[in-house]
C-alpha atoms as a PDB file:
ATOM      1  CA  UNK A   1    -278.440  -1.353 186.432  1.00  0.00           C
ATOM      2  CA  UNK A   2    -276.510  -4.309 185.747  1.00  0.00           C
ATOM      3  CA  UNK A   3    -274.419  -2.991 182.859  1.00  0.00           C
ATOM      4  CA  UNK A   4    -273.508   0.175 184.526  1.00  0.00           C
ATOM      5  CA  UNK A   5    -272.513  -2.249 187.736  1.00  0.00           C
ATOM      6  CA  UNK A   6    -270.673  -4.077 185.481  1.00  0.00           C
ATOM      7  CA  UNK A   7    -268.754  -0.752 183.376  1.00  0.00           C
ATOM      8  CA  UNK A   8    -267.825   0.775 186.622  1.00  0.00           C
ATOM      9  CA  UNK A   9    -266.179  -2.713 188.015  1.00  0.00           C
ATOM     10  CA  UNK A  10    -264.350  -3.192 184.664  1.00  0.00           C
ATOM     11  CA  UNK A  11    -263.122   0.126 184.530  1.00  0.00           C
ATOM     12  CA  UNK A  12    -262.379   1.200 187.850  1.00  0.00           C
ATOM     13  CA  UNK A  13    -260.407  -2.587 189.103  1.00  0.00           C
ATOM     14  CA  UNK A  14    -257.387  -1.218 187.949  1.00  0.00           C
ATOM     15  CA  UNK A  15    -257.840   2.365 189.483  1.00  0.00           C
ATOM     16  CA  UNK A  16    -258.502   0.288 192.937  1.00  0.00           C
ATOM     17  CA  UNK A  17    -254.867  -1.772 192.285  1.00  0.00           C
ATOM     18  CA  UNK A  18    -253.013   2.016 191.437  1.00  0.00           C
ATOM     19  CA  UNK A  19    -254.024   3.186 194.942  1.00  0.00           C
ATOM     20  CA  UNK A  20    -251.939   0.358 196.301  1.00  0.00           C
ATOM     21  CA  UNK A  21    -254.686  -1.102 198.667  1.00  0.00           C
ATOM     22  CA  UNK A  22    -254.273  -4.614 196.484  1.00  0.00           C
ATOM     23  CA  UNK A  23    -250.885  -3.989 195.553  1.00  0.00           C
ATOM     24  CA  UNK A  24    -249.351  -5.002 199.059  1.00  0.00           C
ATOM     25  CA  UNK A  25    -246.461  -2.695 198.470  1.00  0.00           C
ATOM     26  CA  UNK A  26    -243.555  -1.981 201.226  1.00  0.00           C
ATOM     27  CA  UNK A  27    -242.168   1.196 201.610  1.00  0.00           C
ATOM     28  CA  UNK A  28    -239.345   2.428 199.154  1.00  0.00           C
ATOM     29  CA  UNK A  29    -237.837   4.702 202.153  1.00  0.00           C
ATOM     30  CA  UNK A  30    -238.050   4.464 205.858  1.00  0.00           C
ATOM     31  CA  UNK A  31    -239.399   7.878 206.629  1.00  0.00           C
ATOM     32  CA  UNK A  32    -242.274   7.727 203.984  1.00  0.00           C
ATOM     33  CA  UNK A  33    -245.258   5.348 204.504  1.00  0.00           C
ATOM     34  CA  UNK A  34    -246.970   3.221 201.198  1.00  0.00           C
ATOM     35  CA  UNK A  35    -249.678   5.867 201.559  1.00  0.00           C
ATOM     36  CA  UNK A  36    -247.447   9.012 201.572  1.00  0.00           C
ATOM     37  CA  UNK A  37    -245.239   7.876 198.173  1.00  0.00           C
ATOM     38  CA  UNK A  38    -248.863   7.060 196.190  1.00  0.00           C
ATOM     39  CA  UNK A  39    -250.339  10.481 196.995  1.00  0.00           C
ATOM     40  CA  UNK A  40    -247.757  12.785 197.750  1.00  0.00           C
ATOM     41  CA  UNK A  41    -244.296  11.613 195.727  1.00  0.00           C
ATOM     42  CA  UNK A  42    -246.746  10.102 192.488  1.00  0.00           C
ATOM     43  CA  UNK A  43    -249.234  13.010 193.068  1.00  0.00           C
ATOM     44  CA  UNK A  44    -250.114  14.711 189.898  1.00  0.00           C
ATOM     45  CA  UNK A  45    -248.925  18.117 191.274  1.00  0.00           C
ATOM     46  CA  UNK A  46    -245.707  16.971 192.344  1.00  0.00           C
ATOM     47  CA  UNK A  47    -245.075  14.941 188.531  1.00  0.00           C
ATOM     48  CA  UNK A  48    -245.779  18.313 187.111  1.00  0.00           C
ATOM     49  CA  UNK A  49    -243.680  20.246 189.827  1.00  0.00           C
ATOM     50  CA  UNK A  50    -240.672  17.305 188.761  1.00  0.00           C
ATOM     51  CA  UNK A  51    -241.179  18.221 184.822  1.00  0.00           C
ATOM     52  CA  UNK A  52    -240.674  21.593 185.117  1.00  0.00           C
ATOM     53  CA  UNK A  53    -237.500  20.812 187.196  1.00  0.00           C
ATOM     54  CA  UNK A  54    -236.531  18.371 184.149  1.00  0.00           C
ATOM     55  CA  UNK A  55    -237.223  21.364 181.767  1.00  0.00           C
ATOM     56  CA  UNK A  56    -234.831  23.466 183.651  1.00  0.00           C
ATOM     57  CA  UNK A  57    -232.168  20.787 183.645  1.00  0.00           C
ATOM     58  CA  UNK A  58    -232.457  19.857 179.903  1.00  0.00           C
ATOM     59  CA  UNK A  59    -232.039  24.259 179.136  1.00  0.00           C
ATOM     60  CA  UNK A  60    -229.233  23.907 181.049  1.00  0.00           C
ATOM     61  CA  UNK A  61    -227.853  21.395 179.372  1.00  0.00           C
ATOM     62  CA  UNK A  62    -228.657  23.087 175.976  1.00  0.00           C
ATOM     63  CA  UNK A  63    -226.395  25.838 177.226  1.00  0.00           C
ATOM     64  CA  UNK A  64    -223.689  23.774 178.626  1.00  0.00           C
ATOM     65  CA  UNK A  65    -223.680  22.045 175.214  1.00  0.00           C
ATOM     66  CA  UNK A  66    -223.224  25.529 173.631  1.00  0.00           C
ATOM     67  CA  UNK A  67    -220.417  26.617 175.221  1.00  0.00           C
ATOM     68  CA  UNK A  68    -218.808  24.037 175.047  1.00  0.00           C
ATOM     69  CA  UNK A  69    -218.772  23.801 171.195  1.00  0.00           C
ATOM     70  CA  UNK A  70    -215.087  24.007 169.442  1.00  0.00           C
ATOM     71  CA  UNK A  71    -214.011  22.759 173.145  1.00  0.00           C
ATOM     72  CA  UNK A  72    -214.133  19.356 173.290  1.00  0.00           C
ATOM     73  CA  UNK A  73    -213.442  16.644 170.635  1.00  0.00           C
ATOM     74  CA  UNK A  74    -215.909  14.669 168.084  1.00  0.00           C
ATOM     75  CA  UNK A  75    -215.543  11.652 170.369  1.00  0.00           C
ATOM     76  CA  UNK A  76    -216.120  13.277 173.734  1.00  0.00           C
ATOM     77  CA  UNK A  77    -219.461  14.864 171.895  1.00  0.00           C
ATOM     78  CA  UNK A  78    -220.045  11.167 170.898  1.00  0.00           C
ATOM     79  CA  UNK A  79    -219.240   9.792 174.314  1.00  0.00           C
ATOM     80  CA  UNK A  80    -221.663  11.904 176.109  1.00  0.00           C
ATOM     81  CA  UNK A  81    -224.310  11.705 173.925  1.00  0.00           C
ATOM     82  CA  UNK A  82    -227.240  14.014 173.530  1.00  0.00           C
ATOM     83  CA  UNK A  83    -226.009  16.901 171.804  1.00  0.00           C
ATOM     84  CA  UNK A  84    -226.915  16.493 168.327  1.00  0.00           C
ATOM     85  CA  UNK A  85    -229.388  19.535 167.257  1.00  0.00           C
ATOM     86  CA  UNK A  86    -232.390  16.852 166.980  1.00  0.00           C
ATOM     87  CA  UNK A  87    -231.640  16.021 170.649  1.00  0.00           C
ATOM     88  CA  UNK A  88    -231.550  19.188 172.166  1.00  0.00           C
ATOM     89  CA  UNK A  89    -234.001  21.119 169.988  1.00  0.00           C
ATOM     90  CA  UNK A  90    -236.679  18.654 169.144  1.00  0.00           C
ATOM     91  CA  UNK A  91    -236.325  16.458 171.593  1.00  0.00           C
ATOM     92  CA  UNK A  92    -235.813  18.756 174.686  1.00  0.00           C
ATOM     93  CA  UNK A  93    -238.501  20.480 173.670  1.00  0.00           C
ATOM     94  CA  UNK A  94    -241.309  17.849 172.813  1.00  0.00           C
ATOM     95  CA  UNK A  95    -240.534  14.924 175.302  1.00  0.00           C
ATOM     96  CA  UNK A  96    -241.750  17.038 178.793  1.00  0.00           C
ATOM     97  CA  UNK A  97    -244.530  18.217 176.872  1.00  0.00           C
ATOM     98  CA  UNK A  98    -245.708  15.143 176.323  1.00  0.00           C
ATOM     99  CA  UNK A  99    -245.258  13.751 179.471  1.00  0.00           C
ATOM    100  CA  UNK A 100    -247.179  16.247 180.835  1.00  0.00           C
ATOM    101  CA  UNK A 101    -250.070  16.038 178.431  1.00  0.00           C
ATOM    102  CA  UNK A 102    -250.318  12.563 179.115  1.00  0.00           C
ATOM    103  CA  UNK A 103    -250.350  12.991 182.705  1.00  0.00           C
ATOM    104  CA  UNK A 104    -253.018  16.010 182.814  1.00  0.00           C
ATOM    105  CA  UNK A 105    -255.033  13.444 180.145  1.00  0.00           C
ATOM    106  CA  UNK A 106    -255.224  10.811 182.317  1.00  0.00           C
ATOM    107  CA  UNK A 107    -255.809  12.765 185.294  1.00  0.00           C
ATOM    108  CA  UNK A 108    -258.896  14.073 183.342  1.00  0.00           C
ATOM    109  CA  UNK A 109    -260.053  10.550 182.415  1.00  0.00           C
ATOM    110  CA  UNK A 110    -259.766   9.348 186.360  1.00  0.00           C
ATOM    111  CA  UNK A 111    -261.946  12.238 187.794  1.00  0.00           C
ATOM    112  CA  UNK A 112    -264.418  11.378 184.787  1.00  0.00           C
ATOM    113  CA  UNK A 113    -264.736   7.914 185.681  1.00  0.00           C
ATOM    114  CA  UNK A 114    -265.139   9.205 189.170  1.00  0.00           C
ATOM    115  CA  UNK A 115    -267.834  11.269 188.294  1.00  0.00           C
ATOM    116  CA  UNK A 116    -269.518   8.404 186.299  1.00  0.00           C
ATOM    117  CA  UNK A 117    -269.382   6.115 189.323  1.00  0.00           C
ATOM    118  CA  UNK A 118    -271.058   8.661 191.526  1.00  0.00           C
ATOM    119  CA  UNK A 119    -273.453   9.527 188.985  1.00  0.00           C
ATOM    120  CA  UNK A 120    -274.735   5.384 189.378  1.00  0.00           C
ATOM    121  CA  UNK A 121    -274.063   5.292 192.704  1.00  0.00           C
ATOM    122  CA  UNK A 122    -276.603   8.319 193.297  1.00  0.00           C
ATOM    123  CA  UNK A 123    -278.876   6.147 190.836  1.00  0.00           C
ATOM    124  CA  UNK A 124    -278.735   3.319 192.862  1.00  0.00           C
ATOM    125  CA  UNK A 125    -279.477   5.490 196.244  1.00  0.00           C
ATOM    126  CA  UNK A 126    -276.373   4.315 197.391  1.00  0.00           C
ATOM    127  CA  UNK A 127    -274.413   7.867 197.308  1.00  0.00           C
ATOM    128  CA  UNK A 128    -275.585  11.450 198.229  1.00  0.00           C
ATOM    129  CA  UNK A 129    -276.074  14.053 195.492  1.00  0.00           C
ATOM    130  CA  UNK A 130    -273.158  16.112 197.092  1.00  0.00           C
ATOM    131  CA  UNK A 131    -270.523  13.516 196.514  1.00  0.00           C
ATOM    132  CA  UNK A 132    -271.498  13.504 193.046  1.00  0.00           C
ATOM    133  CA  UNK A 133    -271.497  17.463 193.041  1.00  0.00           C
ATOM    134  CA  UNK A 134    -268.197  17.074 194.223  1.00  0.00           C
ATOM    135  CA  UNK A 135    -266.874  14.319 191.717  1.00  0.00           C
ATOM    136  CA  UNK A 136    -268.644  16.579 188.480  1.00  0.00           C
ATOM    137  CA  UNK A 137    -266.356  19.951 190.327  1.00  0.00           C
ATOM    138  CA  UNK A 138    -263.154  17.641 190.119  1.00  0.00           C
ATOM    139  CA  UNK A 139    -263.695  16.418 186.744  1.00  0.00           C
ATOM    140  CA  UNK A 140    -264.480  19.712 185.145  1.00  0.00           C
ATOM    141  CA  UNK A 141    -261.664  21.264 186.660  1.00  0.00           C
ATOM    142  CA  UNK A 142    -259.460  18.460 185.518  1.00  0.00           C
ATOM    143  CA  UNK A 143    -260.995  19.140 181.977  1.00  0.00           C
ATOM    144  CA  UNK A 144    -259.946  22.780 182.119  1.00  0.00           C
ATOM    145  CA  UNK A 145    -256.537  22.283 183.231  1.00  0.00           C
ATOM    146  CA  UNK A 146    -256.089  20.112 180.363  1.00  0.00           C
ATOM    147  CA  UNK A 147    -257.913  22.529 177.860  1.00  0.00           C
ATOM    148  CA  UNK A 148    -255.714  25.508 179.282  1.00  0.00           C
ATOM    149  CA  UNK A 149    -252.348  22.701 178.484  1.00  0.00           C
ATOM    150  CA  UNK A 150    -253.957  22.056 175.482  1.00  0.00           C
ATOM    151  CA  UNK A 151    -254.427  25.441 173.842  1.00  0.00           C
ATOM    152  CA  UNK A 152    -250.817  26.569 174.815  1.00  0.00           C
ATOM    153  CA  UNK A 153    -249.208  23.518 173.483  1.00  0.00           C
ATOM    154  CA  UNK A 154    -246.669  23.618 170.319  1.00  0.00           C
ATOM    155  CA  UNK A 155    -244.825  20.689 169.252  1.00  0.00           C
ATOM    156  CA  UNK A 156    -241.619  21.892 167.624  1.00  0.00           C
ATOM    157  CA  UNK A 157    -240.359  20.163 164.294  1.00  0.00           C
END
């Protein structure tokens, strides 16, 4: 039992810090509390929505680059940057999914750790079975979401 407690303490300590309770953070916007920033602005759902926006912006820049071909000097292309084929076709295609994959994988790791903590607490009779069941369902949903993402992932090269 002592090893389980040490594992849980070592593994979840960074998660507690990430929640902002130990960081003593000040608000970044006058109309947004620290909790709102952490739980809404920095949520998985918001991050995934932002990735979709970024994909749209990159696609717009790709189309703008194609429309401007032959209309700008070599110096202008260099000054603008990110107009080369490798950046626009490889990086623009590969970077957003890499970020999304990291977010989804980290979400699964977090849900898995929470489930393992709930199991340890239930075994120690400090947590009811329904809390453990909820943690299990959340972990399984995070795994399903990650696997669905993984199964549709393709790397451009």
